[in-house]
Amino acid sequence: ALMTNKLNRSQFGIQLIAVLIVPLLLI
């Protein structure tokens, strides 16, 4: 979050879904 700039905030949001939501749905 600290290293992500304004231009790739959407990328950071997508990767948060991949990190936090997808494993939960998998389980």
PDB file of all heavy atoms in Angstrom:
ATOM      1  N   ALA A   1       0.828  -1.214   0.000  1.00  0.00           N
ATOM      2  CA  ALA A   1       0.000   0.000   0.000  1.00  0.00           C
ATOM      3  C   ALA A   1       0.858   1.257   0.000  1.00  0.00           C
ATOM      4  O   ALA A   1       0.535   2.249  -0.669  1.00  0.00           O
ATOM      5  CB  ALA A   1      -0.926  -0.014   1.218  1.00  0.00           C
ATOM      6  N   LEU A   2       1.969   1.235   0.724  1.00  0.00           N
ATOM      7  CA  LEU A   2       2.855   2.406   0.781  1.00  0.00           C
ATOM      8  C   LEU A   2       3.589   2.627  -0.542  1.00  0.00           C
ATOM      9  O   LEU A   2       3.832   3.767  -0.941  1.00  0.00           O
ATOM     10  CB  LEU A   2       3.873   2.242   1.912  1.00  0.00           C
ATOM     11  CG  LEU A   2       3.316   2.325   3.339  1.00  0.00           C
ATOM     12  CD1 LEU A   2       4.411   1.980   4.347  1.00  0.00           C
ATOM     13  CD2 LEU A   2       2.746   3.710   3.611  1.00  0.00           C
ATOM     14  N   MET A   3       3.920   1.523  -1.216  1.00  0.00           N
ATOM     15  CA  MET A   3       4.709   1.615  -2.445  1.00  0.00           C
ATOM     16  C   MET A   3       3.857   1.822  -3.688  1.00  0.00           C
ATOM     17  O   MET A   3       4.373   2.160  -4.752  1.00  0.00           O
ATOM     18  CB  MET A   3       5.551   0.351  -2.625  1.00  0.00           C
ATOM     19  CG  MET A   3       6.606   0.146  -1.553  1.00  0.00           C
ATOM     20  SD  MET A   3       7.848   1.447  -1.534  1.00  0.00           S
ATOM     21  CE  MET A   3       8.642   1.164  -3.117  1.00  0.00           C
ATOM     22  N   THR A   4       2.549   1.607  -3.570  1.00  0.00           N
ATOM     23  CA  THR A   4       1.666   1.723  -4.732  1.00  0.00           C
ATOM     24  C   THR A   4       1.293   3.187  -4.939  1.00  0.00           C
ATOM     25  O   THR A   4       0.819   3.856  -4.023  1.00  0.00           O
ATOM     26  CB  THR A   4       0.387   0.896  -4.530  1.00  0.00           C
ATOM     27  OG1 THR A   4       0.751  -0.456  -4.266  1.00  0.00           O
ATOM     28  CG2 THR A   4      -0.480   0.937  -5.769  1.00  0.00           C
ATOM     29  N   ASN A   5       1.499   3.685  -6.152  1.00  0.00           N
ATOM     30  CA  ASN A   5       1.150   5.074  -6.444  1.00  0.00           C
ATOM     31  C   ASN A   5      -0.293   5.178  -6.939  1.00  0.00           C
ATOM     32  O   ASN A   5      -1.006   4.179  -7.063  1.00  0.00           O
ATOM     33  CB  ASN A   5       2.111   5.669  -7.480  1.00  0.00           C
ATOM     34  CG  ASN A   5       2.181   4.836  -8.749  1.00  0.00           C
ATOM     35  OD1 ASN A   5       1.180   4.343  -9.225  1.00  0.00           O
ATOM     36  ND2 ASN A   5       3.384   4.689  -9.298  1.00  0.00           N
ATOM     37  N   LYS A   6      -0.731   6.384  -7.224  1.00  0.00           N
ATOM     38  CA  LYS A   6      -2.119   6.612  -7.610  1.00  0.00           C
ATOM     39  C   LYS A   6      -2.475   5.947  -8.931  1.00  0.00           C
ATOM     40  O   LYS A   6      -3.627   5.601  -9.175  1.00  0.00           O
ATOM     41  CB  LYS A   6      -2.393   8.110  -7.705  1.00  0.00           C
ATOM     42  CG  LYS A   6      -2.295   8.836  -6.360  1.00  0.00           C
ATOM     43  CD  LYS A   6      -2.587  10.310  -6.518  1.00  0.00           C
ATOM     44  CE  LYS A   6      -2.503  11.035  -5.179  1.00  0.00           C
ATOM     45  NZ  LYS A   6      -2.777  12.499  -5.321  1.00  0.00           N
ATOM     46  N   LEU A   7      -1.474   5.775  -9.811  1.00  0.00           N
ATOM     47  CA  LEU A   7      -1.758   5.232 -11.140  1.00  0.00           C
ATOM     48  C   LEU A   7      -2.113   3.747 -11.098  1.00  0.00           C
ATOM     49  O   LEU A   7      -2.828   3.255 -11.971  1.00  0.00           O
ATOM     50  CB  LEU A   7      -0.545   5.462 -12.062  1.00  0.00           C
ATOM     51  CG  LEU A   7      -0.210   6.926 -12.373  1.00  0.00           C
ATOM     52  CD1 LEU A   7       1.032   7.003 -13.248  1.00  0.00           C
ATOM     53  CD2 LEU A   7      -1.396   7.614 -13.063  1.00  0.00           C
ATOM     54  N   ASN A   8      -1.591   3.027 -10.131  1.00  0.00           N
ATOM     55  CA  ASN A   8      -1.897   1.593 -10.091  1.00  0.00           C
ATOM     56  C   ASN A   8      -2.630   1.199  -8.822  1.00  0.00           C
ATOM     57  O   ASN A   8      -2.450   0.105  -8.291  1.00  0.00           O
ATOM     58  CB  ASN A   8      -0.622   0.755 -10.250  1.00  0.00           C
ATOM     59  CG  ASN A   8       0.447   1.125  -9.238  1.00  0.00           C
ATOM     60  OD1 ASN A   8       0.235   1.981  -8.377  1.00  0.00           O
ATOM     61  ND2 ASN A   8       1.593   0.470  -9.341  1.00  0.00           N
ATOM     62  N   ARG A   9      -3.471   2.110  -8.303  1.00  0.00           N
ATOM     63  CA  ARG A   9      -4.319   1.778  -7.159  1.00  0.00           C
ATOM     64  C   ARG A   9      -5.314   0.665  -7.513  1.00  0.00           C
ATOM     65  O   ARG A   9      -5.659  -0.170  -6.684  1.00  0.00           O
ATOM     66  CB  ARG A   9      -5.083   3.020  -6.693  1.00  0.00           C
ATOM     67  CG  ARG A   9      -4.256   4.011  -5.903  1.00  0.00           C
ATOM     68  CD  ARG A   9      -3.840   3.432  -4.572  1.00  0.00           C
ATOM     69  NE  ARG A   9      -2.993   4.352  -3.823  1.00  0.00           N
ATOM     70  CZ  ARG A   9      -2.425   4.070  -2.669  1.00  0.00           C
ATOM     71  NH1 ARG A   9      -2.591   2.870  -2.144  1.00  0.00           N
ATOM     72  NH2 ARG A   9      -1.666   4.944  -2.050  1.00  0.00           N
ATOM     73  N   SER A  10      -5.795   0.686  -8.764  1.00  0.00           N
ATOM     74  CA  SER A  10      -6.735  -0.358  -9.176  1.00  0.00           C
ATOM     75  C   SER A  10      -6.053  -1.725  -9.161  1.00  0.00           C
ATOM     76  O   SER A  10      -6.671  -2.734  -8.790  1.00  0.00           O
ATOM     77  CB  SER A  10      -7.284  -0.061 -10.570  1.00  0.00           C
ATOM     78  OG  SER A  10      -6.236   0.002 -11.521  1.00  0.00           O
ATOM     79  N   GLN A  11      -4.778  -1.771  -9.573  1.00  0.00           N
ATOM     80  CA  GLN A  11      -4.025  -3.025  -9.520  1.00  0.00           C
ATOM     81  C   GLN A  11      -3.897  -3.513  -8.080  1.00  0.00           C
ATOM     82  O   GLN A  11      -4.028  -4.707  -7.805  1.00  0.00           O
ATOM     83  CB  GLN A  11      -2.630  -2.836 -10.120  1.00  0.00           C
ATOM     84  CG  GLN A  11      -2.602  -2.836 -11.641  1.00  0.00           C
ATOM     85  CD  GLN A  11      -1.174  -2.788 -12.149  1.00  0.00           C
ATOM     86  OE1 GLN A  11      -0.387  -1.931 -11.756  1.00  0.00           O
ATOM     87  NE2 GLN A  11      -0.835  -3.712 -13.007  1.00  0.00           N
ATOM     88  N   PHE A  12      -3.640  -2.589  -7.167  1.00  0.00           N
ATOM     89  CA  PHE A  12      -3.523  -2.957  -5.762  1.00  0.00           C
ATOM     90  C   PHE A  12      -4.838  -3.528  -5.240  1.00  0.00           C
ATOM     91  O   PHE A  12      -4.854  -4.499  -4.487  1.00  0.00           O
ATOM     92  CB  PHE A  12      -3.107  -1.737  -4.938  1.00  0.00           C
ATOM     93  CG  PHE A  12      -3.012  -1.999  -3.472  1.00  0.00           C
ATOM     94  CD1 PHE A  12      -2.029  -2.839  -2.968  1.00  0.00           C
ATOM     95  CD2 PHE A  12      -3.909  -1.419  -2.587  1.00  0.00           C
ATOM     96  CE1 PHE A  12      -1.950  -3.095  -1.602  1.00  0.00           C
ATOM     97  CE2 PHE A  12      -3.826  -1.662  -1.230  1.00  0.00           C
ATOM     98  CZ  PHE A  12      -2.849  -2.497  -0.731  1.00  0.00           C
ATOM     99  N   GLY A  13      -5.967  -2.937  -5.661  1.00  0.00           N
ATOM    100  CA  GLY A  13      -7.264  -3.455  -5.248  1.00  0.00           C
ATOM    101  C   GLY A  13      -7.520  -4.849  -5.788  1.00  0.00           C
ATOM    102  O   GLY A  13      -8.045  -5.719  -5.070  1.00  0.00           O
ATOM    103  N   ILE A  14      -7.139  -5.088  -7.048  1.00  0.00           N
ATOM    104  CA  ILE A  14      -7.328  -6.416  -7.642  1.00  0.00           C
ATOM    105  C   ILE A  14      -6.482  -7.460  -6.929  1.00  0.00           C
ATOM    106  O   ILE A  14      -6.938  -8.571  -6.648  1.00  0.00           O
ATOM    107  CB  ILE A  14      -7.002  -6.366  -9.148  1.00  0.00           C
ATOM    108  CG1 ILE A  14      -8.025  -5.508  -9.888  1.00  0.00           C
ATOM    109  CG2 ILE A  14      -6.968  -7.777  -9.740  1.00  0.00           C
ATOM    110  CD1 ILE A  14      -7.688  -5.255 -11.334  1.00  0.00           C
ATOM    111  N   GLN A  15      -5.246  -7.087  -6.612  1.00  0.00           N
ATOM    112  CA  GLN A  15      -4.385  -8.054  -5.941  1.00  0.00           C
ATOM    113  C   GLN A  15      -4.852  -8.312  -4.511  1.00  0.00           C
ATOM    114  O   GLN A  15      -4.683  -9.413  -3.991  1.00  0.00           O
ATOM    115  CB  GLN A  15      -2.927  -7.599  -6.000  1.00  0.00           C
ATOM    116  CG  GLN A  15      -2.489  -6.580  -4.995  1.00  0.00           C
ATOM    117  CD  GLN A  15      -1.916  -7.204  -3.741  1.00  0.00           C
ATOM    118  OE1 GLN A  15      -1.346  -8.279  -3.786  1.00  0.00           O
ATOM    119  NE2 GLN A  15      -2.078  -6.511  -2.626  1.00  0.00           N
ATOM    120  N   LEU A  16      -5.491  -7.327  -3.872  1.00  0.00           N
ATOM    121  CA  LEU A  16      -6.068  -7.563  -2.547  1.00  0.00           C
ATOM    122  C   LEU A  16      -7.188  -8.599  -2.625  1.00  0.00           C
ATOM    123  O   LEU A  16      -7.330  -9.450  -1.734  1.00  0.00           O
ATOM    124  CB  LEU A  16      -6.605  -6.260  -1.961  1.00  0.00           C
ATOM    125  CG  LEU A  16      -5.630  -5.375  -1.188  1.00  0.00           C
ATOM    126  CD1 LEU A  16      -6.356  -4.182  -0.607  1.00  0.00           C
ATOM    127  CD2 LEU A  16      -4.910  -6.153  -0.106  1.00  0.00           C
ATOM    128  N   ILE A  17      -7.977  -8.535  -3.698  1.00  0.00           N
ATOM    129  CA  ILE A  17      -9.027  -9.538  -3.898  1.00  0.00           C
ATOM    130  C   ILE A  17      -8.400 -10.925  -4.064  1.00  0.00           C
ATOM    131  O   ILE A  17      -8.871 -11.913  -3.486  1.00  0.00           O
ATOM    132  CB  ILE A  17      -9.888  -9.175  -5.121  1.00  0.00           C
ATOM    133  CG1 ILE A  17     -10.669  -7.885  -4.849  1.00  0.00           C
ATOM    134  CG2 ILE A  17     -10.842 -10.315  -5.467  1.00  0.00           C
ATOM    135  CD1 ILE A  17     -11.444  -7.375  -6.034  1.00  0.00           C
ATOM    136  N   ALA A  18      -7.327 -10.982  -4.838  1.00  0.00           N
ATOM    137  CA  ALA A  18      -6.650 -12.258  -5.069  1.00  0.00           C
ATOM    138  C   ALA A  18      -6.027 -12.801  -3.789  1.00  0.00           C
ATOM    139  O   ALA A  18      -5.992 -14.025  -3.577  1.00  0.00           O
ATOM    140  CB  ALA A  18      -5.576 -12.095  -6.143  1.00  0.00           C
ATOM    141  N   VAL A  19      -5.553 -11.924  -2.929  1.00  0.00           N
ATOM    142  CA  VAL A  19      -4.865 -12.345  -1.714  1.00  0.00           C
ATOM    143  C   VAL A  19      -5.847 -12.681  -0.594  1.00  0.00           C
ATOM    144  O   VAL A  19      -5.685 -13.690   0.101  1.00  0.00           O
ATOM    145  CB  VAL A  19      -3.880 -11.247  -1.256  1.00  0.00           C
ATOM    146  CG1 VAL A  19      -3.317 -11.560   0.121  1.00  0.00           C
ATOM    147  CG2 VAL A  19      -2.744 -11.109  -2.259  1.00  0.00           C
ATOM    148  N   LEU A  20      -6.883 -11.853  -0.418  1.00  0.00           N
ATOM    149  CA  LEU A  20      -7.757 -11.980   0.747  1.00  0.00           C
ATOM    150  C   LEU A  20      -9.088 -12.668   0.464  1.00  0.00           C
ATOM    151  O   LEU A  20      -9.613 -13.364   1.336  1.00  0.00           O
ATOM    152  CB  LEU A  20      -8.022 -10.586   1.336  1.00  0.00           C
ATOM    153  CG  LEU A  20      -6.791  -9.797   1.790  1.00  0.00           C
ATOM    154  CD1 LEU A  20      -7.196  -8.423   2.303  1.00  0.00           C
ATOM    155  CD2 LEU A  20      -6.010 -10.565   2.845  1.00  0.00           C
ATOM    156  N   ILE A  21      -9.634 -12.488  -0.730  1.00  0.00           N
ATOM    157  CA  ILE A  21     -10.979 -13.006  -1.013  1.00  0.00           C
ATOM    158  C   ILE A  21     -10.941 -14.368  -1.698  1.00  0.00           C
ATOM    159  O   ILE A  21     -11.680 -15.284  -1.312  1.00  0.00           O
ATOM    160  CB  ILE A  21     -11.776 -12.010  -1.879  1.00  0.00           C
ATOM    161  CG1 ILE A  21     -11.805 -10.628  -1.201  1.00  0.00           C
ATOM    162  CG2 ILE A  21     -13.186 -12.520  -2.123  1.00  0.00           C
ATOM    163  CD1 ILE A  21     -12.451 -10.633   0.163  1.00  0.00           C
ATOM    164  N   VAL A  22     -10.088 -14.522  -2.702  1.00  0.00           N
ATOM    165  CA  VAL A  22     -10.069 -15.770  -3.473  1.00  0.00           C
ATOM    166  C   VAL A  22      -9.742 -16.990  -2.613  1.00  0.00           C
ATOM    167  O   VAL A  22     -10.434 -18.016  -2.708  1.00  0.00           O
ATOM    168  CB  VAL A  22      -9.087 -15.641  -4.663  1.00  0.00           C
ATOM    169  CG1 VAL A  22      -8.922 -16.991  -5.366  1.00  0.00           C
ATOM    170  CG2 VAL A  22      -9.583 -14.588  -5.652  1.00  0.00           C
ATOM    171  N   PRO A  23      -8.713 -16.958  -1.743  1.00  0.00           N
ATOM    172  CA  PRO A  23      -8.478 -18.134  -0.889  1.00  0.00           C
ATOM    173  C   PRO A  23      -9.657 -18.450   0.026  1.00  0.00           C
ATOM    174  O   PRO A  23      -9.951 -19.625   0.276  1.00  0.00           O
ATOM    175  CB  PRO A  23      -7.237 -17.739  -0.072  1.00  0.00           C
ATOM    176  CG  PRO A  23      -6.560 -16.701  -0.887  1.00  0.00           C
ATOM    177  CD  PRO A  23      -7.655 -15.944  -1.561  1.00  0.00           C
ATOM    178  N   LEU A  24     -10.346 -17.413   0.508  1.00  0.00           N
ATOM    179  CA  LEU A  24     -11.509 -17.636   1.360  1.00  0.00           C
ATOM    180  C   LEU A  24     -12.632 -18.331   0.592  1.00  0.00           C
ATOM    181  O   LEU A  24     -13.252 -19.283   1.086  1.00  0.00           O
ATOM    182  CB  LEU A  24     -11.995 -16.300   1.917  1.00  0.00           C
ATOM    183  CG  LEU A  24     -13.080 -16.357   2.996  1.00  0.00           C
ATOM    184  CD1 LEU A  24     -12.569 -17.075   4.229  1.00  0.00           C
ATOM    185  CD2 LEU A  24     -13.549 -14.954   3.345  1.00  0.00           C
ATOM    186  N   LEU A  25     -12.892 -17.874  -0.630  1.00  0.00           N
ATOM    187  CA  LEU A  25     -13.914 -18.516  -1.468  1.00  0.00           C
ATOM    188  C   LEU A  25     -13.516 -19.946  -1.803  1.00  0.00           C
ATOM    189  O   LEU A  25     -14.375 -20.837  -1.881  1.00  0.00           O
ATOM    190  CB  LEU A  25     -14.117 -17.703  -2.749  1.00  0.00           C
ATOM    191  CG  LEU A  25     -14.683 -16.289  -2.574  1.00  0.00           C
ATOM    192  CD1 LEU A  25     -14.759 -15.579  -3.924  1.00  0.00           C
ATOM    193  CD2 LEU A  25     -16.057 -16.334  -1.922  1.00  0.00           C
ATOM    194  N   LEU A  26     -12.232 -20.171  -1.996  1.00  0.00           N
ATOM    195  CA  LEU A  26     -11.738 -21.517  -2.291  1.00  0.00           C
ATOM    196  C   LEU A  26     -12.018 -22.465  -1.125  1.00  0.00           C
ATOM    197  O   LEU A  26     -12.504 -23.586  -1.317  1.00  0.00           O
ATOM    198  CB  LEU A  26     -10.244 -21.463  -2.588  1.00  0.00           C
ATOM    199  CG  LEU A  26      -9.555 -22.764  -2.983  1.00  0.00           C
ATOM    200  CD1 LEU A  26     -10.016 -23.208  -4.358  1.00  0.00           C
ATOM    201  CD2 LEU A  26      -8.044 -22.599  -2.977  1.00  0.00           C
ATOM    202  N   ILE A  27     -11.733 -22.003   0.085  1.00  0.00           N
ATOM    203  CA  ILE A  27     -11.974 -22.837   1.261  1.00  0.00           C
ATOM    204  C   ILE A  27     -13.466 -23.123   1.428  1.00  0.00           C
ATOM    205  O   ILE A  27     -13.873 -24.263   1.700  1.00  0.00           O
ATOM    206  CB  ILE A  27     -11.416 -22.139   2.517  1.00  0.00           C
ATOM    207  CG1 ILE A  27      -9.895 -22.052   2.432  1.00  0.00           C
ATOM    208  CG2 ILE A  27     -11.836 -22.886   3.783  1.00  0.00           C
ATOM    209  CD1 ILE A  27      -9.267 -21.242   3.537  1.00  0.00           C
TER     210      ILE A  27
END
